[in-house]
Amino acid sequence: MLKQESLVVIIEDQTRRALWEVKNVIDCIPNELWNKLYCEMPLWKHVYHMLHSLDLWFINPRDINFQEPSFHEKDLNNLDVTSEKRLTREDLDSYYNQTAEKIRHYIDDLQDNELLEMPANCDYTKFTLILAQFRHLDSHMGMIMGFIIDDTNQWPRVVGLEKEIPQGDYNKFFE
């Protein structure tokens, strides 16, 4: 049974599930689709846009100490701007791991009474930022999953609200 004794406990559980699904979807992208264009942008750029938004906006988009990933360059995360630079699966796997760890650490320290506070220099509450990123993540995960399903006829596994998060070896697609 899902623990629901506080808002932060619920946020932590849903974030853990969402981050697992993000990693699974990234792992489901076949190498031959990595650079394929969707809406005039390569699939890796859709993934980077989604991860970059999580990294920047989940905690505080106005954080003066925010550090872009080492490979970042202007507009690399912008789905309206074509980039010459190409990111590898290894680049984005590493970035996913850094971003997921940062978010997990943030939530581990978060308390219910802080959810309506605004981070430094920010016009949005912590709760607003978290919900906005779940909304944004949902949109991009749906698009990326649709690209994968359309090209492979396989549906990436999700865990929903009640399923256990798979550990160890597992089939990354629904059977």
C-alpha atoms as a PDB file:
ATOM      1  CA  MET A   1       0.000   0.000   0.000  1.00  0.00           C
ATOM      2  CA  LEU A   2       1.263   3.441  -0.935  1.00  0.00           C
ATOM      3  CA  LYS A   3       2.314   5.558   2.021  1.00  0.00           C
ATOM      4  CA  GLN A   4       0.305   8.793   2.036  1.00  0.00           C
ATOM      5  CA  GLU A   5       0.967  10.352   5.424  1.00  0.00           C
ATOM      6  CA  SER A   6       2.368  13.607   4.008  1.00  0.00           C
ATOM      7  CA  LEU A   7       2.512  15.527   0.763  1.00  0.00           C
ATOM      8  CA  VAL A   8       6.277  15.114   0.515  1.00  0.00           C
ATOM      9  CA  VAL A   9       5.994  11.332   0.951  1.00  0.00           C
ATOM     10  CA  ILE A  10       3.517  11.261  -1.947  1.00  0.00           C
ATOM     11  CA  ILE A  11       5.732  13.547  -4.053  1.00  0.00           C
ATOM     12  CA  GLU A  12       8.750  11.354  -3.290  1.00  0.00           C
ATOM     13  CA  ASP A  13       6.966   8.179  -4.375  1.00  0.00           C
ATOM     14  CA  GLN A  14       5.591   9.711  -7.565  1.00  0.00           C
ATOM     15  CA  THR A  15       8.960  11.286  -8.394  1.00  0.00           C
ATOM     16  CA  ARG A  16      10.746   7.960  -7.882  1.00  0.00           C
ATOM     17  CA  ARG A  17       8.249   6.292 -10.220  1.00  0.00           C
ATOM     18  CA  ALA A  18       8.507   9.075 -12.807  1.00  0.00           C
ATOM     19  CA  LEU A  19      12.322   9.026 -12.792  1.00  0.00           C
ATOM     20  CA  TRP A  20      12.319   5.247 -13.244  1.00  0.00           C
ATOM     21  CA  GLU A  21       9.978   5.607 -16.218  1.00  0.00           C
ATOM     22  CA  VAL A  22      12.163   8.344 -17.739  1.00  0.00           C
ATOM     23  CA  LYS A  23      15.226   6.101 -17.565  1.00  0.00           C
ATOM     24  CA  ASN A  24      13.305   3.138 -18.940  1.00  0.00           C
ATOM     25  CA  VAL A  25      12.011   5.167 -21.894  1.00  0.00           C
ATOM     26  CA  ILE A  26      15.533   6.430 -22.657  1.00  0.00           C
ATOM     27  CA  ASP A  27      16.773   2.834 -22.512  1.00  0.00           C
ATOM     28  CA  CYS A  28      14.005   1.803 -24.936  1.00  0.00           C
ATOM     29  CA  ILE A  29      15.257   4.107 -27.698  1.00  0.00           C
ATOM     30  CA  PRO A  30      16.948   1.920 -30.323  1.00  0.00           C
ATOM     31  CA  ASN A  31      20.284   3.236 -31.552  1.00  0.00           C
ATOM     32  CA  GLU A  32      18.885   3.634 -35.062  1.00  0.00           C
ATOM     33  CA  LEU A  33      16.314   6.139 -33.752  1.00  0.00           C
ATOM     34  CA  TRP A  34      18.744   8.213 -31.639  1.00  0.00           C
ATOM     35  CA  ASN A  35      19.360  10.764 -34.415  1.00  0.00           C
ATOM     36  CA  LYS A  36      16.071  10.304 -36.291  1.00  0.00           C
ATOM     37  CA  LEU A  37      14.157  13.542 -36.755  1.00  0.00           C
ATOM     38  CA  TYR A  38      10.759  14.009 -35.130  1.00  0.00           C
ATOM     39  CA  CYS A  39       9.129  17.410 -35.597  1.00  0.00           C
ATOM     40  CA  GLU A  40      12.382  18.462 -37.280  1.00  0.00           C
ATOM     41  CA  MET A  41      14.535  17.621 -34.220  1.00  0.00           C
ATOM     42  CA  PRO A  42      16.543  14.464 -33.489  1.00  0.00           C
ATOM     43  CA  LEU A  43      15.114  12.179 -30.838  1.00  0.00           C
ATOM     44  CA  TRP A  44      18.100  12.748 -28.533  1.00  0.00           C
ATOM     45  CA  LYS A  45      17.251  16.466 -28.506  1.00  0.00           C
ATOM     46  CA  HIS A  46      13.711  15.722 -27.324  1.00  0.00           C
ATOM     47  CA  VAL A  47      15.252  13.676 -24.497  1.00  0.00           C
ATOM     48  CA  TYR A  48      17.733  16.423 -23.640  1.00  0.00           C
ATOM     49  CA  HIS A  49      15.002  19.072 -23.628  1.00  0.00           C
ATOM     50  CA  MET A  50      12.981  16.971 -21.181  1.00  0.00           C
ATOM     51  CA  LEU A  51      15.968  16.282 -18.884  1.00  0.00           C
ATOM     52  CA  HIS A  52      17.218  19.867 -18.997  1.00  0.00           C
ATOM     53  CA  SER A  53      13.798  21.145 -17.962  1.00  0.00           C
ATOM     54  CA  LEU A  54      13.732  18.709 -15.032  1.00  0.00           C
ATOM     55  CA  ASP A  55      17.211  19.788 -14.007  1.00  0.00           C
ATOM     56  CA  LEU A  56      16.510  23.518 -14.231  1.00  0.00           C
ATOM     57  CA  TRP A  57      12.831  23.870 -13.309  1.00  0.00           C
ATOM     58  CA  PHE A  58      12.050  21.124 -10.758  1.00  0.00           C
ATOM     59  CA  ILE A  59      13.937  22.897  -7.951  1.00  0.00           C
ATOM     60  CA  ASN A  60      14.532  26.536  -8.878  1.00  0.00           C
ATOM     61  CA  PRO A  61      14.838  27.972 -12.402  1.00  0.00           C
ATOM     62  CA  ARG A  62      16.275  31.197 -10.946  1.00  0.00           C
ATOM     63  CA  ASP A  63      19.061  29.538  -8.933  1.00  0.00           C
ATOM     64  CA  ILE A  64      22.134  31.724  -9.439  1.00  0.00           C
ATOM     65  CA  ASN A  65      24.318  28.672  -8.758  1.00  0.00           C
ATOM     66  CA  PHE A  66      22.663  26.462 -11.397  1.00  0.00           C
ATOM     67  CA  GLN A  67      25.286  24.790 -13.551  1.00  0.00           C
ATOM     68  CA  GLU A  68      24.581  23.662 -17.072  1.00  0.00           C
ATOM     69  CA  PRO A  69      25.965  20.240 -17.980  1.00  0.00           C
ATOM     70  CA  SER A  70      29.503  20.401 -19.379  1.00  0.00           C
ATOM     71  CA  PHE A  71      28.334  19.623 -22.920  1.00  0.00           C
ATOM     72  CA  HIS A  72      25.617  22.313 -22.954  1.00  0.00           C
ATOM     73  CA  GLU A  73      25.734  25.179 -25.402  1.00  0.00           C
ATOM     74  CA  LYS A  74      23.233  27.921 -26.136  1.00  0.00           C
ATOM     75  CA  ASP A  75      19.863  26.579 -27.317  1.00  0.00           C
ATOM     76  CA  LEU A  76      20.953  22.926 -27.203  1.00  0.00           C
ATOM     77  CA  ASN A  77      17.829  22.285 -25.088  1.00  0.00           C
ATOM     78  CA  ASN A  78      15.557  24.396 -27.323  1.00  0.00           C
ATOM     79  CA  LEU A  79      13.290  22.339 -29.580  1.00  0.00           C
ATOM     80  CA  ASP A  80      12.760  25.380 -31.813  1.00  0.00           C
ATOM     81  CA  VAL A  81      16.458  25.774 -32.664  1.00  0.00           C
ATOM     82  CA  THR A  82      18.504  23.357 -34.780  1.00  0.00           C
ATOM     83  CA  SER A  83      21.860  22.508 -33.205  1.00  0.00           C
ATOM     84  CA  GLU A  84      25.081  21.432 -34.859  1.00  0.00           C
ATOM     85  CA  LYS A  85      26.213  19.653 -31.722  1.00  0.00           C
ATOM     86  CA  ARG A  86      25.115  16.043 -31.231  1.00  0.00           C
ATOM     87  CA  LEU A  87      24.717  14.307 -27.887  1.00  0.00           C
ATOM     88  CA  THR A  88      25.432  10.633 -27.366  1.00  0.00           C
ATOM     89  CA  ARG A  89      23.466   8.137 -25.352  1.00  0.00           C
ATOM     90  CA  GLU A  90      26.341   8.180 -22.836  1.00  0.00           C
ATOM     91  CA  ASP A  91      26.045  11.984 -22.513  1.00  0.00           C
ATOM     92  CA  LEU A  92      22.340  11.730 -21.728  1.00  0.00           C
ATOM     93  CA  ASP A  93      22.641   8.663 -19.499  1.00  0.00           C
ATOM     94  CA  SER A  94      25.178  10.535 -17.395  1.00  0.00           C
ATOM     95  CA  TYR A  95      23.028  13.666 -17.367  1.00  0.00           C
ATOM     96  CA  TYR A  96      19.958  11.639 -16.382  1.00  0.00           C
ATOM     97  CA  ASN A  97      21.888  10.117 -13.452  1.00  0.00           C
ATOM     98  CA  GLN A  98      23.101  13.530 -12.246  1.00  0.00           C
ATOM     99  CA  THR A  99      19.656  15.099 -12.574  1.00  0.00           C
ATOM    100  CA  ALA A 100      17.848  12.195 -10.898  1.00  0.00           C
ATOM    101  CA  GLU A 101      20.299  12.204  -7.990  1.00  0.00           C
ATOM    102  CA  LYS A 102      19.927  15.970  -7.571  1.00  0.00           C
ATOM    103  CA  ILE A 103      16.121  15.695  -7.525  1.00  0.00           C
ATOM    104  CA  ARG A 104      16.128  12.739  -5.108  1.00  0.00           C
ATOM    105  CA  HIS A 105      18.426  14.621  -2.730  1.00  0.00           C
ATOM    106  CA  TYR A 106      16.196  17.712  -2.942  1.00  0.00           C
ATOM    107  CA  ILE A 107      13.065  15.729  -2.123  1.00  0.00           C
ATOM    108  CA  ASP A 108      14.808  13.861   0.704  1.00  0.00           C
ATOM    109  CA  ASP A 109      15.359  17.220   2.415  1.00  0.00           C
ATOM    110  CA  LEU A 110      11.957  18.735   1.548  1.00  0.00           C
ATOM    111  CA  GLN A 111       9.270  19.188   4.230  1.00  0.00           C
ATOM    112  CA  ASP A 112       5.522  19.687   3.759  1.00  0.00           C
ATOM    113  CA  ASN A 113       5.641  23.139   5.358  1.00  0.00           C
ATOM    114  CA  GLU A 114       8.130  24.281   2.667  1.00  0.00           C
ATOM    115  CA  LEU A 115       5.946  23.433  -0.323  1.00  0.00           C
ATOM    116  CA  LEU A 116       4.284  26.859  -0.427  1.00  0.00           C
ATOM    117  CA  GLU A 117       7.592  28.709  -0.035  1.00  0.00           C
ATOM    118  CA  MET A 118       9.238  30.347  -3.019  1.00  0.00           C
ATOM    119  CA  PRO A 119      12.868  29.468  -3.689  1.00  0.00           C
ATOM    120  CA  ALA A 120      15.342  32.360  -3.801  1.00  0.00           C
ATOM    121  CA  ASN A 121      14.730  34.806  -6.674  1.00  0.00           C
ATOM    122  CA  CYS A 122      11.758  32.741  -7.897  1.00  0.00           C
ATOM    123  CA  ASP A 123       8.128  33.774  -8.407  1.00  0.00           C
ATOM    124  CA  TYR A 124       6.777  30.220  -8.036  1.00  0.00           C
ATOM    125  CA  THR A 125       6.309  28.046  -4.991  1.00  0.00           C
ATOM    126  CA  LYS A 126       8.228  24.804  -4.634  1.00  0.00           C
ATOM    127  CA  PHE A 127       4.964  22.902  -5.085  1.00  0.00           C
ATOM    128  CA  THR A 128       4.115  24.827  -8.269  1.00  0.00           C
ATOM    129  CA  LEU A 129       7.539  24.031  -9.743  1.00  0.00           C
ATOM    130  CA  ILE A 130       7.206  20.328  -8.933  1.00  0.00           C
ATOM    131  CA  LEU A 131       3.698  20.057 -10.412  1.00  0.00           C
ATOM    132  CA  ALA A 132       4.708  22.065 -13.474  1.00  0.00           C
ATOM    133  CA  GLN A 133       7.573  19.667 -14.114  1.00  0.00           C
ATOM    134  CA  PHE A 134       5.312  16.649 -13.782  1.00  0.00           C
ATOM    135  CA  ARG A 135       3.031  18.253 -16.387  1.00  0.00           C
ATOM    136  CA  HIS A 136       5.971  19.050 -18.676  1.00  0.00           C
ATOM    137  CA  LEU A 137       7.499  15.619 -18.169  1.00  0.00           C
ATOM    138  CA  ASP A 138       4.175  13.939 -18.972  1.00  0.00           C
ATOM    139  CA  SER A 139       3.918  15.787 -22.289  1.00  0.00           C
ATOM    140  CA  HIS A 140       7.422  14.922 -23.430  1.00  0.00           C
ATOM    141  CA  MET A 141       7.368  11.344 -22.151  1.00  0.00           C
ATOM    142  CA  GLY A 142       4.167  10.812 -24.119  1.00  0.00           C
ATOM    143  CA  MET A 143       5.724  12.170 -27.294  1.00  0.00           C
ATOM    144  CA  ILE A 144       8.935  10.166 -26.905  1.00  0.00           C
ATOM    145  CA  MET A 145       6.996   6.992 -26.098  1.00  0.00           C
ATOM    146  CA  GLY A 146       4.826   7.632 -29.168  1.00  0.00           C
ATOM    147  CA  PHE A 147       7.905   7.955 -31.377  1.00  0.00           C
ATOM    148  CA  ILE A 148       9.272   4.662 -30.003  1.00  0.00           C
ATOM    149  CA  ILE A 149       5.942   2.834 -30.312  1.00  0.00           C
ATOM    150  CA  ASP A 150       5.394   4.078 -33.863  1.00  0.00           C
ATOM    151  CA  ASP A 151       8.834   2.943 -35.041  1.00  0.00           C
ATOM    152  CA  THR A 152       9.258  -0.298 -33.062  1.00  0.00           C
ATOM    153  CA  ASN A 153       5.698  -1.506 -32.389  1.00  0.00           C
ATOM    154  CA  GLN A 154       6.812  -1.981 -28.774  1.00  0.00           C
ATOM    155  CA  TRP A 155       5.387  -0.155 -25.765  1.00  0.00           C
ATOM    156  CA  PRO A 156       7.924   0.981 -23.111  1.00  0.00           C
ATOM    157  CA  ARG A 157       7.052  -0.343 -19.649  1.00  0.00           C
ATOM    158  CA  VAL A 158       5.599   2.049 -17.082  1.00  0.00           C
ATOM    159  CA  VAL A 159       4.910   1.326 -13.417  1.00  0.00           C
ATOM    160  CA  GLY A 160       1.801   3.383 -12.764  1.00  0.00           C
ATOM    161  CA  LEU A 161       0.559   3.925  -9.233  1.00  0.00           C
ATOM    162  CA  GLU A 162       0.463   0.372  -7.894  1.00  0.00           C
ATOM    163  CA  LYS A 163       3.123  -1.753  -9.598  1.00  0.00           C
ATOM    164  CA  GLU A 164       6.462  -2.393  -7.958  1.00  0.00           C
ATOM    165  CA  ILE A 165       9.411  -0.708  -9.628  1.00  0.00           C
ATOM    166  CA  PRO A 166      11.394  -3.462 -11.362  1.00  0.00           C
ATOM    167  CA  GLN A 167      14.843  -4.217  -9.975  1.00  0.00           C
ATOM    168  CA  GLY A 168      17.701  -6.006 -11.704  1.00  0.00           C
ATOM    169  CA  ASP A 169      17.010  -7.558 -15.089  1.00  0.00           C
ATOM    170  CA  TYR A 170      13.555  -6.866 -16.467  1.00  0.00           C
ATOM    171  CA  ASN A 171      11.876  -6.505 -19.848  1.00  0.00           C
ATOM    172  CA  LYS A 172      11.888  -2.770 -20.569  1.00  0.00           C
ATOM    173  CA  PHE A 173       8.858  -3.195 -22.854  1.00  0.00           C
ATOM    174  CA  PHE A 174       5.363  -4.482 -22.038  1.00  0.00           C
ATOM    175  CA  GLU A 175       4.941  -8.061 -23.173  1.00  0.00           C
END
